[in-house]
Amino acid sequence: MLRIGHGYDVHRFCEGRKLILCGVEIESREGLLGHSDADVAVHALMDAMLGAAALGDIGRHFPDSDPKYKGASSIMLLKKVNALLKEEGLALSNADITVIAERPVLKNYIAAMRESLAAELDTDISRISVKATTEEGLGIAGKGIAAHVVVLLEKP
């Protein structure tokens, strides 16, 4: 059995926070605003995984109204989502992640992002794709960063 899910998230830039994408700290003068560490790519990945498994979304599992998730590591939340999938007898077949950002330039971080996610999900790096694009100044990117993710889950 195969299950497909997609996730989308966006966070606004803000001063005084680190920029974390796919669990990797990115050199930037601004971070992203959010209740947790605001790792927009991991948030979209979790939503895609949960959606493919028909388990709701990250707001259901990790509500921003719950103070225990204030400043939480999105990577730690991703591990919990992965554990939920395992309980359902599902495994990640592959994830295709697109980060949409006018700034900063991300090409030098892509390999580290893939490695980070593969390690945290305990899967082969060949199952993780991360790419970055801009919106040529036409969309919401520029005021923040967005991410779109498509995943394929399988029941071995």
C-alpha atoms as a PDB file:
ATOM      1  CA  MET A   1       0.000   0.000   0.000  1.00  0.00           C
ATOM      2  CA  LEU A   2       1.255   3.486  -0.908  1.00  0.00           C
ATOM      3  CA  ARG A   3       0.084   6.759   0.646  1.00  0.00           C
ATOM      4  CA  ILE A   4       0.822  10.242  -0.753  1.00  0.00           C
ATOM      5  CA  GLY A   5       0.745  13.426   1.293  1.00  0.00           C
ATOM      6  CA  HIS A   6       1.646  17.050   0.787  1.00  0.00           C
ATOM      7  CA  GLY A   7       2.425  19.813   3.226  1.00  0.00           C
ATOM      8  CA  TYR A   8       2.816  23.559   2.956  1.00  0.00           C
ATOM      9  CA  ASP A   9       3.915  26.119   5.513  1.00  0.00           C
ATOM     10  CA  VAL A  10       5.132  29.690   5.617  1.00  0.00           C
ATOM     11  CA  HIS A  11       6.731  31.812   8.345  1.00  0.00           C
ATOM     12  CA  ARG A  12       7.491  35.529   8.426  1.00  0.00           C
ATOM     13  CA  PHE A  13      11.023  36.845   8.987  1.00  0.00           C
ATOM     14  CA  CYS A  14      11.791  38.392  12.360  1.00  0.00           C
ATOM     15  CA  GLU A  15      14.827  39.808  14.148  1.00  0.00           C
ATOM     16  CA  GLY A  16      16.529  38.100  17.060  1.00  0.00           C
ATOM     17  CA  ARG A  17      15.991  34.467  16.090  1.00  0.00           C
ATOM     18  CA  LYS A  18      18.177  31.851  14.468  1.00  0.00           C
ATOM     19  CA  LEU A  19      17.187  30.637  11.009  1.00  0.00           C
ATOM     20  CA  ILE A  20      16.749  26.865  11.105  1.00  0.00           C
ATOM     21  CA  LEU A  21      15.801  24.903   7.966  1.00  0.00           C
ATOM     22  CA  CYS A  22      15.654  21.098   7.864  1.00  0.00           C
ATOM     23  CA  GLY A  23      17.359  21.081  11.258  1.00  0.00           C
ATOM     24  CA  VAL A  24      20.341  23.079   9.973  1.00  0.00           C
ATOM     25  CA  GLU A  25      21.268  26.531  11.251  1.00  0.00           C
ATOM     26  CA  ILE A  26      21.536  28.897   8.278  1.00  0.00           C
ATOM     27  CA  GLU A  27      23.696  32.005   8.418  1.00  0.00           C
ATOM     28  CA  SER A  28      21.228  34.898   8.299  1.00  0.00           C
ATOM     29  CA  ARG A  29      20.600  38.223   9.985  1.00  0.00           C
ATOM     30  CA  GLU A  30      16.949  37.187  10.488  1.00  0.00           C
ATOM     31  CA  GLY A  31      15.181  34.089  11.663  1.00  0.00           C
ATOM     32  CA  LEU A  32      11.565  33.043  11.318  1.00  0.00           C
ATOM     33  CA  LEU A  33       8.688  33.891  13.625  1.00  0.00           C
ATOM     34  CA  GLY A  34       6.940  30.944  15.201  1.00  0.00           C
ATOM     35  CA  HIS A  35       5.932  29.238  18.419  1.00  0.00           C
ATOM     36  CA  SER A  36       8.597  26.545  18.023  1.00  0.00           C
ATOM     37  CA  ASP A  37      11.956  27.073  16.314  1.00  0.00           C
ATOM     38  CA  ALA A  38       9.899  27.903  13.166  1.00  0.00           C
ATOM     39  CA  ASP A  39      11.665  25.392  10.900  1.00  0.00           C
ATOM     40  CA  VAL A  40       9.218  25.913   8.048  1.00  0.00           C
ATOM     41  CA  ALA A  41      10.596  23.031   5.969  1.00  0.00           C
ATOM     42  CA  VAL A  42      10.252  20.497   8.776  1.00  0.00           C
ATOM     43  CA  HIS A  43       6.746  21.794   9.542  1.00  0.00           C
ATOM     44  CA  ALA A  44       5.682  21.194   5.940  1.00  0.00           C
ATOM     45  CA  LEU A  45       7.374  17.772   6.015  1.00  0.00           C
ATOM     46  CA  MET A  46       5.502  16.760   9.175  1.00  0.00           C
ATOM     47  CA  ASP A  47       2.191  17.911   7.691  1.00  0.00           C
ATOM     48  CA  ALA A  48       2.872  15.887   4.539  1.00  0.00           C
ATOM     49  CA  MET A  49       3.723  12.789   6.563  1.00  0.00           C
ATOM     50  CA  LEU A  50       0.698  13.159   8.839  1.00  0.00           C
ATOM     51  CA  GLY A  51      -1.564  13.856   5.871  1.00  0.00           C
ATOM     52  CA  ALA A  52      -0.412  10.776   3.996  1.00  0.00           C
ATOM     53  CA  ALA A  53      -1.179   8.710   7.092  1.00  0.00           C
ATOM     54  CA  ALA A  54      -4.553  10.467   7.600  1.00  0.00           C
ATOM     55  CA  LEU A  55      -3.452  11.505  11.104  1.00  0.00           C
ATOM     56  CA  GLY A  56      -4.354  15.202  10.931  1.00  0.00           C
ATOM     57  CA  ASP A  57      -1.784  17.997  10.996  1.00  0.00           C
ATOM     58  CA  ILE A  58       0.933  19.364  13.246  1.00  0.00           C
ATOM     59  CA  GLY A  59      -1.494  21.808  14.864  1.00  0.00           C
ATOM     60  CA  ARG A  60      -3.495  18.856  16.143  1.00  0.00           C
ATOM     61  CA  HIS A  61      -0.460  17.040  17.514  1.00  0.00           C
ATOM     62  CA  PHE A  62       1.643  20.026  18.669  1.00  0.00           C
ATOM     63  CA  PRO A  63      -0.699  23.010  19.194  1.00  0.00           C
ATOM     64  CA  ASP A  64       0.878  26.449  19.482  1.00  0.00           C
ATOM     65  CA  SER A  65      -1.461  27.056  22.415  1.00  0.00           C
ATOM     66  CA  ASP A  66       0.500  24.493  24.435  1.00  0.00           C
ATOM     67  CA  PRO A  67       3.421  26.146  26.255  1.00  0.00           C
ATOM     68  CA  LYS A  68       5.474  22.927  26.194  1.00  0.00           C
ATOM     69  CA  TYR A  69       6.069  23.513  22.463  1.00  0.00           C
ATOM     70  CA  LYS A  70       7.310  27.099  22.924  1.00  0.00           C
ATOM     71  CA  GLY A  71      10.752  27.195  21.309  1.00  0.00           C
ATOM     72  CA  ALA A  72      10.606  23.438  20.628  1.00  0.00           C
ATOM     73  CA  SER A  73      12.996  21.854  18.174  1.00  0.00           C
ATOM     74  CA  SER A  74      11.048  20.954  15.044  1.00  0.00           C
ATOM     75  CA  ILE A  75      13.459  18.070  14.524  1.00  0.00           C
ATOM     76  CA  MET A  76      12.357  16.591  17.867  1.00  0.00           C
ATOM     77  CA  LEU A  77       8.722  16.955  16.768  1.00  0.00           C
ATOM     78  CA  LEU A  78       9.602  15.264  13.463  1.00  0.00           C
ATOM     79  CA  LYS A  79      10.948  12.290  15.402  1.00  0.00           C
ATOM     80  CA  LYS A  80       7.580  12.028  17.185  1.00  0.00           C
ATOM     81  CA  VAL A  81       5.730  12.134  13.857  1.00  0.00           C
ATOM     82  CA  ASN A  82       7.999   9.427  12.475  1.00  0.00           C
ATOM     83  CA  ALA A  83       7.248   7.293  15.551  1.00  0.00           C
ATOM     84  CA  LEU A  84       3.502   7.763  14.938  1.00  0.00           C
ATOM     85  CA  LEU A  85       3.952   6.515  11.380  1.00  0.00           C
ATOM     86  CA  LYS A  86       5.812   3.453  12.623  1.00  0.00           C
ATOM     87  CA  GLU A  87       2.932   2.736  15.036  1.00  0.00           C
ATOM     88  CA  GLU A  88       0.618   2.771  11.998  1.00  0.00           C
ATOM     89  CA  GLY A  89       2.924   0.367  10.163  1.00  0.00           C
ATOM     90  CA  LEU A  90       3.989   3.052   7.684  1.00  0.00           C
ATOM     91  CA  ALA A  91       7.465   4.035   6.525  1.00  0.00           C
ATOM     92  CA  LEU A  92       8.764   6.960   4.500  1.00  0.00           C
ATOM     93  CA  SER A  93       9.501   5.926   0.932  1.00  0.00           C
ATOM     94  CA  ASN A  94      10.648   9.391  -0.134  1.00  0.00           C
ATOM     95  CA  ALA A  95      10.235  13.093   0.582  1.00  0.00           C
ATOM     96  CA  ASP A  96      10.559  15.913  -1.935  1.00  0.00           C
ATOM     97  CA  ILE A  97      11.019  19.283  -0.205  1.00  0.00           C
ATOM     98  CA  THR A  98      11.001  22.668  -1.919  1.00  0.00           C
ATOM     99  CA  VAL A  99      12.016  25.708   0.131  1.00  0.00           C
ATOM    100  CA  ILE A 100      10.800  29.010  -1.327  1.00  0.00           C
ATOM    101  CA  ALA A 101      12.998  31.933  -0.267  1.00  0.00           C
ATOM    102  CA  GLU A 102      14.274  35.142  -1.819  1.00  0.00           C
ATOM    103  CA  ARG A 103      16.974  35.229   0.841  1.00  0.00           C
ATOM    104  CA  PRO A 104      19.310  33.894   2.066  1.00  0.00           C
ATOM    105  CA  VAL A 105      20.857  31.846  -0.727  1.00  0.00           C
ATOM    106  CA  LEU A 106      20.496  28.211   0.327  1.00  0.00           C
ATOM    107  CA  LYS A 107      22.460  26.220  -2.271  1.00  0.00           C
ATOM    108  CA  ASN A 108      25.456  25.713   0.043  1.00  0.00           C
ATOM    109  CA  TYR A 109      23.203  24.224   2.753  1.00  0.00           C
ATOM    110  CA  ILE A 110      21.234  21.702   0.679  1.00  0.00           C
ATOM    111  CA  ALA A 111      23.582  18.739   1.307  1.00  0.00           C
ATOM    112  CA  ALA A 112      23.568  19.373   5.071  1.00  0.00           C
ATOM    113  CA  MET A 113      19.768  19.663   5.058  1.00  0.00           C
ATOM    114  CA  ARG A 114      19.403  16.307   3.300  1.00  0.00           C
ATOM    115  CA  GLU A 115      21.884  14.687   5.688  1.00  0.00           C
ATOM    116  CA  SER A 116      20.107  16.124   8.724  1.00  0.00           C
ATOM    117  CA  LEU A 117      16.680  14.863   7.681  1.00  0.00           C
ATOM    118  CA  ALA A 118      17.934  11.434   6.614  1.00  0.00           C
ATOM    119  CA  ALA A 119      19.705  11.000   9.944  1.00  0.00           C
ATOM    120  CA  GLU A 120      16.732  12.140  12.026  1.00  0.00           C
ATOM    121  CA  LEU A 121      14.294   9.965  10.069  1.00  0.00           C
ATOM    122  CA  ASP A 122      16.714   7.022  10.150  1.00  0.00           C
ATOM    123  CA  THR A 123      16.481   6.592   6.387  1.00  0.00           C
ATOM    124  CA  ASP A 124      18.829   6.581   3.438  1.00  0.00           C
ATOM    125  CA  ILE A 125      19.728  10.013   2.074  1.00  0.00           C
ATOM    126  CA  SER A 126      18.603   8.871  -1.387  1.00  0.00           C
ATOM    127  CA  ARG A 127      15.026   9.078  -0.061  1.00  0.00           C
ATOM    128  CA  ILE A 128      15.320  12.790   0.789  1.00  0.00           C
ATOM    129  CA  SER A 129      15.279  15.571  -1.801  1.00  0.00           C
ATOM    130  CA  VAL A 130      15.721  19.204  -0.801  1.00  0.00           C
ATOM    131  CA  LYS A 131      15.751  22.049  -3.282  1.00  0.00           C
ATOM    132  CA  ALA A 132      15.383  25.793  -3.059  1.00  0.00           C
ATOM    133  CA  THR A 133      13.795  28.329  -5.358  1.00  0.00           C
ATOM    134  CA  THR A 134      12.690  31.943  -5.352  1.00  0.00           C
ATOM    135  CA  GLU A 135       9.480  33.571  -6.529  1.00  0.00           C
ATOM    136  CA  GLU A 136      11.396  36.191  -8.514  1.00  0.00           C
ATOM    137  CA  GLY A 137      10.068  38.845  -6.130  1.00  0.00           C
ATOM    138  CA  LEU A 138       6.455  38.098  -7.075  1.00  0.00           C
ATOM    139  CA  GLY A 139       5.138  36.135  -4.106  1.00  0.00           C
ATOM    140  CA  ILE A 140       5.237  35.967  -0.346  1.00  0.00           C
ATOM    141  CA  ALA A 141       8.871  34.921  -0.254  1.00  0.00           C
ATOM    142  CA  GLY A 142      10.856  38.009   0.649  1.00  0.00           C
ATOM    143  CA  LYS A 143       8.771  38.676   3.733  1.00  0.00           C
ATOM    144  CA  GLY A 144       9.469  35.168   4.921  1.00  0.00           C
ATOM    145  CA  ILE A 145      10.172  31.636   3.810  1.00  0.00           C
ATOM    146  CA  ALA A 146       7.743  28.984   2.624  1.00  0.00           C
ATOM    147  CA  ALA A 147       8.097  25.265   2.027  1.00  0.00           C
ATOM    148  CA  HIS A 148       6.138  22.716   0.042  1.00  0.00           C
ATOM    149  CA  VAL A 149       6.647  18.999   0.561  1.00  0.00           C
ATOM    150  CA  VAL A 150       5.349  15.854  -1.110  1.00  0.00           C
ATOM    151  CA  VAL A 151       5.918  12.482   0.554  1.00  0.00           C
ATOM    152  CA  LEU A 152       5.263   8.900  -0.343  1.00  0.00           C
ATOM    153  CA  LEU A 153       4.684   6.488   2.521  1.00  0.00           C
ATOM    154  CA  GLU A 154       4.612   2.728   2.154  1.00  0.00           C
ATOM    155  CA  LYS A 155       3.316  -0.109   4.263  1.00  0.00           C
ATOM    156  CA  PRO A 156       6.055  -2.723   3.994  1.00  0.00           C
END
